[in-house]
Protein backbone atom coordinates (compact mmCIF):
# COMPACT_ATOMS: atom_id res chain seq x y z
CA GLN A 1 0.30 -0.28 0.45
CA VAL A 2 1.27 3.07 -1.21
CA GLN A 3 1.70 5.84 1.65
CA LEU A 4 2.07 9.32 1.34
CA VAL A 5 4.14 11.14 4.38
CA GLU A 6 4.12 14.86 4.47
CA SER A 7 7.04 17.18 6.45
CA GLY A 8 8.00 20.08 7.42
CA GLY A 9 5.63 21.67 9.44
CA GLY A 10 5.79 23.07 12.66
CA LEU A 11 5.30 26.74 14.04
CA ALA A 12 5.98 29.95 12.96
CA GLN A 13 5.90 33.78 13.23
CA PRO A 14 3.84 35.82 11.09
CA GLY A 15 5.68 36.99 8.22
CA ARG A 16 7.98 33.91 8.22
CA SER A 17 7.88 31.13 6.03
CA LEU A 18 7.88 27.30 5.83
CA ARG A 19 8.23 24.77 3.19
CA LEU A 20 6.23 21.47 3.44
CA SER A 21 7.56 18.30 1.49
CA CYS A 22 5.76 15.37 0.29
CA ALA A 23 6.65 12.04 -0.77
CA ALA A 24 5.73 8.63 -1.75
CA SER A 25 6.48 5.21 -0.17
CA ALA A 26 6.55 3.84 -3.53
CA ARG A 27 6.27 4.12 -6.60
CA ILE A 28 2.67 5.93 -8.08
CA LEU A 29 2.98 5.77 -11.75
CA SER A 30 0.37 7.96 -14.29
CA ILE A 31 0.00 10.61 -11.62
CA VAL A 32 -2.85 13.35 -13.12
CA TYR A 33 -2.85 15.77 -10.36
CA MET A 34 -0.88 16.87 -7.04
CA GLY A 35 -1.98 19.19 -4.90
CA TRP A 36 -2.09 20.53 -0.84
CA TYR A 37 -5.32 20.86 0.89
CA ARG A 38 -5.60 22.08 4.31
CA GLN A 39 -8.06 21.93 7.58
CA ALA A 40 -8.35 24.09 9.96
CA PRO A 41 -10.20 23.12 13.47
CA GLY A 42 -13.99 23.26 12.90
CA LYS A 43 -13.97 24.02 9.11
CA GLN A 44 -13.85 21.69 6.09
CA ARG A 45 -10.99 20.87 4.26
CA GLU A 46 -10.17 23.14 1.30
CA LEU A 47 -7.58 22.78 -1.83
CA VAL A 48 -4.57 24.89 -1.10
CA ALA A 49 -2.92 24.69 -4.46
CA SER A 50 -2.99 21.92 -7.10
CA ILE A 51 -0.80 20.98 -10.19
CA ARG A 52 -2.55 19.12 -12.76
CA SER A 53 -0.95 17.42 -15.72
CA GLY A 54 2.70 17.85 -14.19
CA ALA A 55 2.67 21.75 -15.04
CA GLU A 56 -0.90 23.91 -15.06
CA THR A 57 -1.01 25.07 -11.44
CA ASN A 58 -3.71 26.55 -9.12
CA TYR A 59 -4.09 28.11 -5.96
CA ALA A 60 -7.34 29.33 -3.33
CA ASP A 61 -7.10 33.10 -3.42
CA SER A 62 -6.33 33.03 0.12
CA VAL A 63 -2.58 32.03 -0.97
CA LYS A 64 -2.04 33.47 -4.21
CA GLY A 65 0.78 35.50 -4.63
CA ARG A 66 2.28 33.69 -1.01
CA PHE A 67 2.28 30.00 -1.75
CA THR A 68 4.25 28.35 -4.36
CA ILE A 69 3.56 24.84 -5.22
CA SER A 70 5.84 22.94 -6.91
CA GLY A 71 6.18 18.82 -8.26
CA ASP A 72 8.10 16.28 -9.73
CA ASN A 73 5.90 13.48 -10.90
CA ALA A 74 8.64 10.76 -11.65
CA LYS A 75 10.13 11.19 -7.99
CA ASN A 76 6.49 11.40 -6.85
CA THR A 77 7.43 14.40 -4.84
CA ILE A 78 5.43 17.84 -4.18
CA ASP A 79 6.64 20.86 -2.48
CA LEU A 80 4.54 23.96 -0.78
CA GLN A 81 6.84 27.26 -0.32
CA MET A 82 4.90 29.48 2.21
CA ASN A 83 5.55 32.74 2.73
CA SER A 84 4.37 35.62 4.71
CA LEU A 85 2.61 33.25 6.25
CA LYS A 86 -0.45 34.65 8.55
CA PRO A 87 -2.38 33.45 11.50
CA GLU A 88 -5.26 32.51 9.41
CA ASP A 89 -2.61 29.69 7.64
CA THR A 90 -2.72 27.63 10.61
CA ALA A 91 -4.03 24.27 10.02
CA VAL A 92 -3.35 20.39 9.29
CA TYR A 93 -1.69 20.70 6.09
CA TYR A 94 -2.23 17.36 3.12
CA CYS A 95 -1.19 16.40 0.38
CA MET A 96 -2.62 14.59 -2.29
CA GLN A 97 -1.62 12.36 -5.31
CA ARG A 98 -4.14 11.60 -7.62
CA SER A 99 -3.49 8.46 -10.75
CA ILE A 100 -5.28 6.93 -12.68
CA GLY A 101 -7.68 5.14 -10.96
CA ASN A 102 -6.53 5.80 -7.46
CA ILE A 103 -5.82 8.82 -4.93
CA TYR A 104 -3.56 8.93 -2.10
CA TRP A 105 -3.55 10.98 0.96
CA GLY A 106 -0.93 11.68 3.61
CA ARG A 107 -1.86 11.86 7.58
CA GLY A 108 -1.15 15.33 7.26
CA THR A 109 1.42 17.99 8.75
CA GLN A 110 0.53 20.44 11.75
CA VAL A 111 1.45 24.19 10.85
CA THR A 112 0.77 26.93 13.41
CA VAL A 113 1.35 30.56 12.79
CA SER A 114 1.63 32.58 15.70
CA SER A 115 3.89 35.41 17.56
């Protein structure tokens, strides 16, 4: 069973940066979509950023200009560079990779933005 493992979360002060990474425990073939999602306490999980077909990126309005997603289909890795962090970015962040016929989720990594 392929597992996705996130890393890089933690505590950051407002205005600072964090970089999240996600790696698969085994090779996933034919990736068509890779994304980062987040879920804050009491809220639904929401899309943060995604890459489709290895090139087309999409960002939530709340993170545009601050976050950058990058991915490597061959290595099954996704990164999320988060700059100018705000307290409202506090959430558990999950990576997701979708191939033809399968969807894989990580267990999440906590990001807390607080002074």
